[in-house]
Amino acid sequence: MSRPELPIAPADVERAAARLRGVAHRTPVVSSRVLDARAGARVVLKAEGFQRMGAFKFRGAYNAVSQLSEAELAGGVVTSSSGNHAQALALAARLCGTRATILMPRDAPASKRAATEGYGAEVVEFDRYRDDRDRLTRELAAERGAQLIHAYDDPRIMAGAGTCALELLQDEPELDVVVVPAGGGGLLSGSCMAVKGLAPSCRVIGVEPKASDDLRRSLAAGERVSVDVVPSIADGQLLATPGAQPWAVISRLADDVVTVSDDEIRDAMRFLFERCKLVAEPSGASALAAVLAGRISGERIGVVLSGANVDAARFAQLLG
C-alpha cells in the first residue's frame, strides 16, 4: 500500500522562493569563530531577524496571500495570532492590496498589537481563557467573506517558510545538519522539504521548549499527540498539538526533535548578543540553544534564528 501524498513538495518551496524574490529579504548567513570553538563544529546562523517584520513568518504569509485571486483578495484575509504571524499577514495583505483582520487575545502585548495595526490590520479582541479561538476565527472569516490564512497548518505557509532553509543550503551546500525551531510545525515541515529536496543526506532536527514537547512525543508515538502546555519564555512555540499538515511532512522527513529549557534559551540569547552582536527573541534562539547545550552532532551545522521581535524592556528582563 502506497503512502499518502504529502501536502507540499520541493517544487512548492522553489515556487515560493520565486514569488518572494525581490519582495522578501535574502537574510544573511553569519558565522563566528567563538561559536565554532564552543560548539566544536563549524556553525552558521541564518539570521531571520533581518527579514521584513523581523521574522521568518513573512515568507509564508506573503506566499499565501500572493496566490489569492482578485475575487479572494477583495474579501480580505483573516487569522488568529498574537505574535509574528499577525504582523506578517498584516504586511503581506498591505503589499498585495487587500485588508487583514487579526483575532488577537485581549491580553496580547501592546507592542505586538501596535506593530500589527501599524501594518494596517484591524485587530479584533477575544478572551484566550474563555473563547474558542478556532471557532471564532472561522466565524469571522465566514462573516466577512475573507480567506482564512492559518499560522502554520497551511501548505502555502509551509512552503514559504521552507525558503529560509532553501537559502541557507544554497549558501552553505556542505552542511551535515540543519537545526530549526519548532512550534506548530510550519517552519520545520517546510525546512524538511527544502533540505531533503536539495541534499537528501543532510539531517533536519527540530527544537522545541521542554514546556511544549508535543512534536517530540508525537514522533516517539508515531502519531500526533497532545500535551499539557506549561509557561515558557518561548511563547511562540507553545502549542499542545502539532498541525495536521505539517505533521504529515515532519513524521516522514524530520530526523529528530530535541528540547531545550528556558535557561538554555537565555544562554543562547546572551551568547548571540554578546559574542555575535545579534538579537533574537526566545523562540528565535531555541535552535542555537540546542547546539550550545550539546544536543546536536555534526561537523557543519546550520542554525535558523527564526526571529528577533523582542522589545528592549523584555530583552533586558530575560537576560538581567
Protein backbone atom coordinates (compact mmCIF):
# COMPACT_ATOMS: atom_id res chain seq x y z
CA MET A 1 0.00 0.00 0.00
CA SER A 2 1.48 3.37 -1.07
CA ARG A 3 1.93 6.16 1.43
CA PRO A 4 -0.34 9.21 1.12
CA GLU A 5 0.95 12.18 -0.85
CA LEU A 6 2.46 14.94 1.25
CA PRO A 7 0.86 18.41 1.30
CA ILE A 8 3.97 20.08 -0.16
CA ALA A 9 6.89 19.03 -2.37
CA PRO A 10 10.32 20.56 -3.05
CA ALA A 11 8.89 22.24 -6.15
CA ASP A 12 6.41 24.15 -3.95
CA VAL A 13 9.29 25.62 -1.96
CA GLU A 14 11.07 26.58 -5.19
CA ARG A 15 7.92 28.29 -6.50
CA ALA A 16 7.53 30.11 -3.18
CA ALA A 17 11.13 31.34 -3.49
CA ALA A 18 10.32 32.74 -6.93
CA ARG A 19 7.29 34.63 -5.56
CA LEU A 20 9.35 36.05 -2.72
CA ARG A 21 12.27 37.13 -4.90
CA GLY A 22 12.58 40.90 -4.74
CA VAL A 23 9.92 41.12 -2.02
CA ALA A 24 11.38 39.26 0.97
CA HIS A 25 14.93 39.89 2.10
CA ARG A 26 17.55 37.24 1.46
CA THR A 27 18.75 37.23 5.04
CA PRO A 28 22.45 36.92 5.91
CA VAL A 29 24.28 33.80 7.00
CA VAL A 30 26.51 34.67 9.96
CA SER A 31 29.48 32.77 11.39
CA SER A 32 31.63 33.21 14.49
CA ARG A 33 34.94 31.61 15.43
CA VAL A 34 33.95 31.86 19.09
CA LEU A 35 30.75 29.95 18.33
CA ASP A 36 32.64 27.30 16.36
CA ALA A 37 35.03 26.81 19.27
CA ARG A 38 32.24 26.47 21.82
CA ALA A 39 30.20 24.09 19.65
CA GLY A 40 33.20 22.06 18.47
CA ALA A 41 31.89 22.34 14.91
CA ARG A 42 31.56 24.75 12.01
CA VAL A 43 28.29 26.60 12.73
CA VAL A 44 26.46 29.09 10.51
CA LEU A 45 23.43 31.13 11.54
CA LYS A 46 20.55 32.07 9.23
CA ALA A 47 19.56 35.42 10.77
CA GLU A 48 15.84 35.82 10.09
CA GLY A 49 15.69 38.79 12.45
CA PHE A 50 16.74 40.76 9.37
CA GLN A 51 13.65 39.61 7.46
CA ARG A 52 10.79 42.02 6.84
CA MET A 53 8.79 42.49 10.07
CA GLY A 54 11.66 40.80 11.91
CA ALA A 55 10.90 37.10 11.50
CA PHE A 56 10.63 34.22 9.04
CA LYS A 57 6.83 34.42 9.17
CA PHE A 58 6.72 36.98 6.37
CA ARG A 59 7.85 34.30 3.92
CA GLY A 60 4.82 32.09 4.41
CA ALA A 61 2.31 34.92 4.78
CA TYR A 62 3.34 36.58 1.53
CA ASN A 63 3.49 33.24 -0.30
CA ALA A 64 -0.10 32.56 0.77
CA VAL A 65 -1.63 35.98 0.11
CA SER A 66 0.14 36.49 -3.21
CA GLN A 67 -1.56 33.36 -4.59
CA LEU A 68 -5.10 34.59 -3.93
CA SER A 69 -7.30 35.51 -6.86
CA GLU A 70 -8.64 39.04 -7.37
CA ALA A 71 -12.01 37.94 -6.02
CA GLU A 72 -10.41 36.39 -2.95
CA LEU A 73 -8.27 39.46 -2.34
CA ALA A 74 -11.38 41.62 -2.48
CA GLY A 75 -12.74 39.79 0.56
CA GLY A 76 -9.60 40.26 2.65
CA VAL A 77 -7.76 37.81 4.87
CA VAL A 78 -8.30 36.66 8.44
CA THR A 79 -6.19 34.86 11.01
CA SER A 80 -5.77 34.45 14.76
CA SER A 81 -2.38 35.31 16.23
CA SER A 82 -0.82 37.42 18.95
CA GLY A 83 2.69 37.31 17.53
CA ASN A 84 4.77 37.25 14.39
CA HIS A 85 2.13 35.72 12.11
CA ALA A 86 -0.21 38.60 12.88
CA GLN A 87 2.39 41.15 11.80
CA ALA A 88 3.46 39.07 8.80
CA LEU A 89 -0.07 38.67 7.46
CA ALA A 90 -0.82 42.35 8.03
CA LEU A 91 2.24 43.35 5.99
CA ALA A 92 1.60 40.75 3.27
CA ALA A 93 -2.00 41.93 2.93
CA ARG A 94 -0.90 45.54 2.57
CA LEU A 95 1.65 44.65 -0.10
CA CYS A 96 -0.94 42.64 -2.03
CA GLY A 97 -3.58 45.36 -1.87
CA THR A 98 -6.04 43.71 0.49
CA ARG A 99 -7.08 44.09 4.12
CA ALA A 100 -6.23 41.89 7.08
CA THR A 101 -8.29 41.22 10.17
CA ILE A 102 -6.46 39.65 13.10
CA LEU A 103 -8.16 37.90 16.00
CA MET A 104 -5.85 38.68 18.91
CA PRO A 105 -6.04 37.83 22.64
CA ARG A 106 -7.17 40.73 24.80
CA ASP A 107 -4.02 40.36 26.92
CA ALA A 108 -1.56 40.28 23.99
CA PRO A 109 1.48 42.54 24.46
CA ALA A 110 0.70 46.12 23.50
CA SER A 111 3.83 46.30 21.33
CA LYS A 112 2.66 43.36 19.19
CA ARG A 113 -0.79 44.85 18.72
CA ALA A 114 0.70 48.23 17.84
CA ALA A 115 3.03 46.64 15.26
CA THR A 116 0.15 44.69 13.69
CA GLU A 117 -2.06 47.76 13.47
CA GLY A 118 0.92 49.72 12.17
CA TYR A 119 0.94 47.49 9.09
CA GLY A 120 -2.71 48.39 8.51
CA ALA A 121 -4.57 45.42 10.02
CA GLU A 122 -7.76 45.57 12.04
CA VAL A 123 -7.48 43.81 15.41
CA VAL A 124 -10.49 42.02 16.91
CA GLU A 125 -10.06 41.02 20.55
CA PHE A 126 -11.01 37.75 22.20
CA ASP A 127 -10.56 36.15 25.61
CA ARG A 128 -7.93 33.42 25.26
CA TYR A 129 -9.08 31.77 28.51
CA ARG A 130 -12.80 31.54 27.69
CA ASP A 131 -13.29 31.74 23.95
CA ASP A 132 -12.81 29.07 21.30
CA ARG A 133 -10.22 30.78 19.12
CA ASP A 134 -10.50 28.45 16.13
CA ARG A 135 -14.30 28.68 16.04
CA LEU A 136 -14.21 32.47 16.33
CA THR A 137 -11.67 32.72 13.53
CA ARG A 138 -13.76 30.54 11.19
CA GLU A 139 -16.89 32.54 12.04
CA LEU A 140 -15.12 35.84 11.45
CA ALA A 141 -13.82 34.68 8.06
CA ALA A 142 -17.29 33.47 7.02
CA GLU A 143 -18.97 36.65 8.26
CA ARG A 144 -16.63 38.87 6.23
CA GLY A 145 -16.23 36.62 3.21
CA ALA A 146 -12.49 36.58 3.87
CA GLN A 147 -9.80 33.98 3.30
CA LEU A 148 -8.55 32.26 6.46
CA ILE A 149 -4.74 32.05 6.47
CA HIS A 150 -3.68 29.71 9.26
CA ALA A 151 -0.40 30.46 11.02
CA TYR A 152 1.15 27.05 10.25
CA ASP A 153 -1.42 24.44 9.14
CA ASP A 154 -1.48 25.59 5.50
CA PRO A 155 0.67 24.24 2.63
CA ARG A 156 1.29 27.78 1.32
CA ILE A 157 2.62 28.85 4.72
CA MET A 158 4.76 25.72 4.98
CA ALA A 159 6.28 26.15 1.51
CA GLY A 160 7.01 29.83 2.10
CA ALA A 161 8.66 29.10 5.44
CA GLY A 162 10.82 26.47 3.75
CA THR A 163 12.50 29.12 1.61
CA CYS A 164 14.56 30.08 4.66
CA ALA A 165 16.29 26.67 4.78
CA LEU A 166 16.45 26.62 0.98
CA GLU A 167 18.54 29.82 1.00
CA LEU A 168 20.67 28.52 3.86
CA LEU A 169 21.59 25.36 1.97
CA GLN A 170 22.16 27.26 -1.28
CA ASP A 171 24.65 29.49 0.53
CA GLU A 172 26.19 26.64 2.58
CA PRO A 173 25.78 23.46 0.49
CA GLU A 174 28.12 21.28 2.60
CA LEU A 175 26.03 21.28 5.80
CA ASP A 176 25.61 17.99 7.69
CA VAL A 177 22.56 19.12 9.66
CA VAL A 178 20.07 21.99 9.73
CA VAL A 179 18.56 22.88 13.12
CA VAL A 180 15.18 24.63 13.18
CA PRO A 181 12.86 25.98 15.90
CA ALA A 182 9.56 24.09 16.03
CA GLY A 183 6.15 25.29 17.18
CA GLY A 184 3.10 24.34 15.13
CA GLY A 185 5.44 22.83 12.55
CA GLY A 186 5.17 25.20 9.59
CA LEU A 187 8.86 26.15 9.60
CA LEU A 188 10.11 22.65 10.42
CA SER A 189 7.98 20.96 7.74
CA GLY A 190 8.98 23.48 5.08
CA SER A 191 12.63 23.16 6.09
CA CYS A 192 12.46 19.37 5.88
CA MET A 193 11.08 19.54 2.35
CA ALA A 194 13.59 22.17 1.21
CA VAL A 195 16.63 20.42 2.68
CA LYS A 196 15.72 16.88 1.63
CA GLY A 197 14.99 18.18 -1.87
CA LEU A 198 18.47 19.69 -2.21
CA ALA A 199 20.59 17.40 -0.03
CA PRO A 200 18.85 14.15 1.00
CA SER A 201 21.70 13.11 3.31
CA CYS A 202 21.58 16.36 5.32
CA ARG A 203 19.73 15.85 8.61
CA VAL A 204 16.96 18.19 9.79
CA ILE A 205 16.37 18.48 13.52
CA GLY A 206 13.58 20.44 15.17
CA VAL A 207 13.93 22.12 18.56
CA GLU A 208 11.05 22.88 20.91
CA PRO A 209 10.84 24.05 24.53
CA LYS A 210 10.54 21.40 27.22
CA ALA A 211 7.32 23.16 28.25
CA SER A 212 5.65 22.05 25.00
CA ASP A 213 7.24 18.89 23.61
CA ASP A 214 4.28 17.76 21.51
CA LEU A 215 6.38 17.09 18.40
CA ARG A 216 9.00 15.06 20.25
CA ARG A 217 6.31 12.93 21.89
CA SER A 218 4.40 12.60 18.63
CA LEU A 219 7.48 11.27 16.84
CA ALA A 220 8.05 8.77 19.66
CA ALA A 221 4.41 7.64 19.48
CA GLY A 222 4.22 7.56 15.69
CA GLU A 223 1.12 9.74 15.70
CA ARG A 224 0.05 13.23 16.73
CA VAL A 225 -0.38 13.54 20.49
CA SER A 226 -1.44 16.43 22.70
CA VAL A 227 0.45 17.67 25.74
CA ASP A 228 -0.36 19.97 28.63
CA VAL A 229 1.40 23.25 27.92
CA VAL A 230 3.15 24.98 30.80
CA PRO A 231 4.60 28.52 30.77
CA SER A 232 7.87 29.20 28.96
CA ILE A 233 9.71 32.26 27.73
CA ALA A 234 9.45 30.73 24.23
CA ASP A 235 5.79 31.70 23.89
CA GLY A 236 5.89 31.46 20.09
CA GLN A 237 6.46 27.70 20.33
CA LEU A 238 3.85 26.77 22.93
CA LEU A 239 1.31 24.51 21.25
CA ALA A 240 -0.44 21.45 22.62
CA THR A 241 -0.64 19.52 19.32
CA PRO A 242 1.32 19.66 16.04
CA GLY A 243 -0.50 20.98 12.99
CA ALA A 244 -2.03 18.18 10.91
CA GLN A 245 -0.44 19.09 7.58
CA PRO A 246 2.99 19.95 8.98
CA TRP A 247 2.89 16.67 10.92
CA ALA A 248 2.43 14.71 7.69
CA VAL A 249 5.77 16.08 6.46
CA ILE A 250 7.65 16.08 9.76
CA SER A 251 6.72 12.49 10.59
CA ARG A 252 8.09 11.38 7.21
CA LEU A 253 11.17 13.59 6.81
CA ALA A 254 12.43 15.02 10.12
CA ASP A 255 15.41 13.20 11.58
CA ASP A 256 14.77 14.15 15.20
CA VAL A 257 13.21 16.69 17.56
CA VAL A 258 15.01 17.74 20.76
CA THR A 259 14.03 20.02 23.62
CA VAL A 260 15.66 22.91 25.45
CA SER A 261 15.00 24.62 28.78
CA ASP A 262 14.30 28.29 29.35
CA ASP A 263 17.74 28.73 30.93
CA GLU A 264 19.38 27.21 27.85
CA ILE A 265 17.42 29.60 25.64
CA ARG A 266 18.55 32.55 27.78
CA ASP A 267 22.15 31.35 27.43
CA ALA A 268 21.78 31.30 23.64
CA MET A 269 20.23 34.78 23.59
CA ARG A 270 23.03 36.13 25.72
CA PHE A 271 25.70 34.45 23.58
CA LEU A 272 24.18 35.88 20.40
CA PHE A 273 24.03 39.37 21.86
CA GLU A 274 27.46 39.45 23.50
CA ARG A 275 29.57 37.43 21.05
CA CYS A 276 27.74 37.69 17.70
CA LYS A 277 26.09 41.12 18.13
CA LEU A 278 22.71 39.63 17.17
CA VAL A 279 19.34 39.97 18.89
CA ALA A 280 16.97 37.00 18.97
CA GLU A 281 13.60 36.52 20.64
CA PRO A 282 13.37 33.42 22.86
CA SER A 283 11.74 31.21 20.23
CA GLY A 284 14.20 32.51 17.66
CA ALA A 285 17.16 31.39 19.78
CA SER A 286 15.90 27.91 20.67
CA ALA A 287 17.68 26.09 17.82
CA LEU A 288 21.03 27.59 18.79
CA ALA A 289 20.29 26.71 22.43
CA ALA A 290 20.23 23.04 21.43
CA VAL A 291 23.60 23.38 19.71
CA LEU A 292 25.19 25.15 22.68
CA ALA A 293 23.74 22.54 25.05
CA GLY A 294 25.48 19.75 23.09
CA ARG A 295 22.32 18.08 21.75
CA ILE A 296 23.26 18.37 18.07
CA SER A 297 26.02 16.33 16.45
CA GLY A 298 27.70 17.23 13.17
CA GLU A 299 30.79 18.85 11.70
CA ARG A 300 28.95 21.54 9.71
CA ILE A 301 25.78 22.79 11.37
CA GLY A 302 23.27 25.29 10.00
CA VAL A 303 21.01 27.01 12.56
CA VAL A 304 17.87 29.02 11.83
CA LEU A 305 17.47 32.03 14.12
CA SER A 306 13.78 32.42 13.35
CA GLY A 307 13.06 35.93 14.64
CA ALA A 308 14.13 38.97 16.62
CA ASN A 309 10.84 40.53 17.73
CA VAL A 310 11.51 41.23 21.38
CA ASP A 311 11.30 44.73 22.82
CA ALA A 312 14.15 46.26 24.83
CA ALA A 313 12.44 46.00 28.21
CA ARG A 314 11.57 42.31 27.74
CA PHE A 315 15.06 41.52 26.45
CA ALA A 316 16.67 43.17 29.44
CA GLN A 317 14.28 41.41 31.82
CA LEU A 318 15.08 37.99 30.34
CA LEU A 319 18.84 38.44 30.50
CA GLY A 320 19.16 40.71 33.54
